[in-house]
Amino acid sequence: MLTPSERLLTVKEAAGRMSVSTATIYRMCARGLLAHVRVLSAVRIPESAITAMPVGPKEGTGV
């Protein structure tokens, strides 16, 4: 859950931390695999969503 003091990362920052492309981050958001919020037209990823992600691709997700 997003707390008021939690840092929101840009898609580029999230991609860098996860060592994936920005397209992968957008795809994960669209598929509901990565928690995100929209700030006007921008997508922001809570820092906690990155740390909560398991390491490595999930089988069968195509991500």
C-alpha atoms as a PDB file:
ATOM      1  CA  MET A   1       0.000   0.000   0.000  1.00  0.00           C
ATOM      2  CA  LEU A   2       1.218   3.463  -0.863  1.00  0.00           C
ATOM      3  CA  THR A   3       2.089   5.653   2.122  1.00  0.00           C
ATOM      4  CA  PRO A   4       2.227   9.460   1.920  1.00  0.00           C
ATOM      5  CA  SER A   5       5.982   9.499   2.497  1.00  0.00           C
ATOM      6  CA  GLU A   6       6.822   6.721   0.024  1.00  0.00           C
ATOM      7  CA  ARG A   7       9.038   7.627  -2.900  1.00  0.00           C
ATOM      8  CA  LEU A   8       7.543   7.219  -6.354  1.00  0.00           C
ATOM      9  CA  LEU A   9       9.942   6.196  -9.093  1.00  0.00           C
ATOM     10  CA  THR A  10       9.730   7.109 -12.745  1.00  0.00           C
ATOM     11  CA  VAL A  11       9.424   4.274 -15.234  1.00  0.00           C
ATOM     12  CA  LYS A  12      13.053   4.861 -16.228  1.00  0.00           C
ATOM     13  CA  GLU A  13      14.229   4.678 -12.584  1.00  0.00           C
ATOM     14  CA  ALA A  14      12.216   1.508 -11.963  1.00  0.00           C
ATOM     15  CA  ALA A  15      13.595  -0.092 -15.131  1.00  0.00           C
ATOM     16  CA  GLY A  16      17.129   0.729 -14.044  1.00  0.00           C
ATOM     17  CA  ARG A  17      16.654  -0.790 -10.616  1.00  0.00           C
ATOM     18  CA  MET A  18      15.147  -3.942 -12.073  1.00  0.00           C
ATOM     19  CA  SER A  19      17.620  -4.145 -14.989  1.00  0.00           C
ATOM     20  CA  VAL A  20      14.840  -4.297 -17.584  1.00  0.00           C
ATOM     21  CA  SER A  21      13.673  -1.978 -20.352  1.00  0.00           C
ATOM     22  CA  THR A  22      11.086   0.756 -19.863  1.00  0.00           C
ATOM     23  CA  ALA A  23       8.825  -1.187 -22.251  1.00  0.00           C
ATOM     24  CA  THR A  24       8.932  -4.129 -19.831  1.00  0.00           C
ATOM     25  CA  ILE A  25       7.892  -1.874 -16.949  1.00  0.00           C
ATOM     26  CA  TYR A  26       4.936  -0.516 -18.959  1.00  0.00           C
ATOM     27  CA  ARG A  27       3.962  -4.077 -19.943  1.00  0.00           C
ATOM     28  CA  MET A  28       4.150  -5.276 -16.329  1.00  0.00           C
ATOM     29  CA  CYS A  29       1.938  -2.381 -15.240  1.00  0.00           C
ATOM     30  CA  ALA A  30      -0.596  -3.076 -17.995  1.00  0.00           C
ATOM     31  CA  ARG A  31      -0.768  -6.760 -17.019  1.00  0.00           C
ATOM     32  CA  GLY A  32      -1.182  -5.976 -13.325  1.00  0.00           C
ATOM     33  CA  LEU A  33       2.173  -7.507 -12.402  1.00  0.00           C
ATOM     34  CA  LEU A  34       3.631  -4.285 -10.996  1.00  0.00           C
ATOM     35  CA  ALA A  35       1.821  -1.849  -8.723  1.00  0.00           C
ATOM     36  CA  HIS A  36       1.738   1.690 -10.083  1.00  0.00           C
ATOM     37  CA  VAL A  37      -0.100   4.980  -9.882  1.00  0.00           C
ATOM     38  CA  ARG A  38      -0.856   7.568 -12.519  1.00  0.00           C
ATOM     39  CA  VAL A  39       0.020  11.184 -11.842  1.00  0.00           C
ATOM     40  CA  LEU A  40      -1.817  13.011 -14.607  1.00  0.00           C
ATOM     41  CA  SER A  41      -0.506  11.152 -17.668  1.00  0.00           C
ATOM     42  CA  ALA A  42       2.705   9.888 -16.032  1.00  0.00           C
ATOM     43  CA  VAL A  43       3.152   6.405 -14.579  1.00  0.00           C
ATOM     44  CA  ARG A  44       4.920   6.229 -11.222  1.00  0.00           C
ATOM     45  CA  ILE A  45       6.047   3.095  -9.419  1.00  0.00           C
ATOM     46  CA  PRO A  46       6.097   2.968  -5.606  1.00  0.00           C
ATOM     47  CA  GLU A  47       9.538   2.009  -4.330  1.00  0.00           C
ATOM     48  CA  SER A  48       7.948  -0.779  -2.280  1.00  0.00           C
ATOM     49  CA  ALA A  49       6.618  -2.386  -5.479  1.00  0.00           C
ATOM     50  CA  ILE A  50      10.177  -2.803  -6.745  1.00  0.00           C
ATOM     51  CA  THR A  51      11.469  -4.367  -3.536  1.00  0.00           C
ATOM     52  CA  ALA A  52       8.430  -6.685  -3.379  1.00  0.00           C
ATOM     53  CA  MET A  53       9.069  -8.128  -6.855  1.00  0.00           C
ATOM     54  CA  PRO A  54      10.587 -11.615  -6.948  1.00  0.00           C
ATOM     55  CA  VAL A  55      13.945 -11.864  -8.679  1.00  0.00           C
ATOM     56  CA  GLY A  56      13.895 -13.315 -12.199  1.00  0.00           C
ATOM     57  CA  PRO A  57      11.088 -13.738 -14.725  1.00  0.00           C
ATOM     58  CA  LYS A  58       7.911 -15.575 -13.788  1.00  0.00           C
ATOM     59  CA  GLU A  59       7.253 -18.621 -15.883  1.00  0.00           C
ATOM     60  CA  GLY A  60       4.396 -18.229 -18.320  1.00  0.00           C
ATOM     61  CA  THR A  61       4.095 -14.442 -18.058  1.00  0.00           C
ATOM     62  CA  GLY A  62       6.054 -13.644 -21.195  1.00  0.00           C
ATOM     63  CA  VAL A  63       7.779 -10.761 -19.406  1.00  0.00           C
END
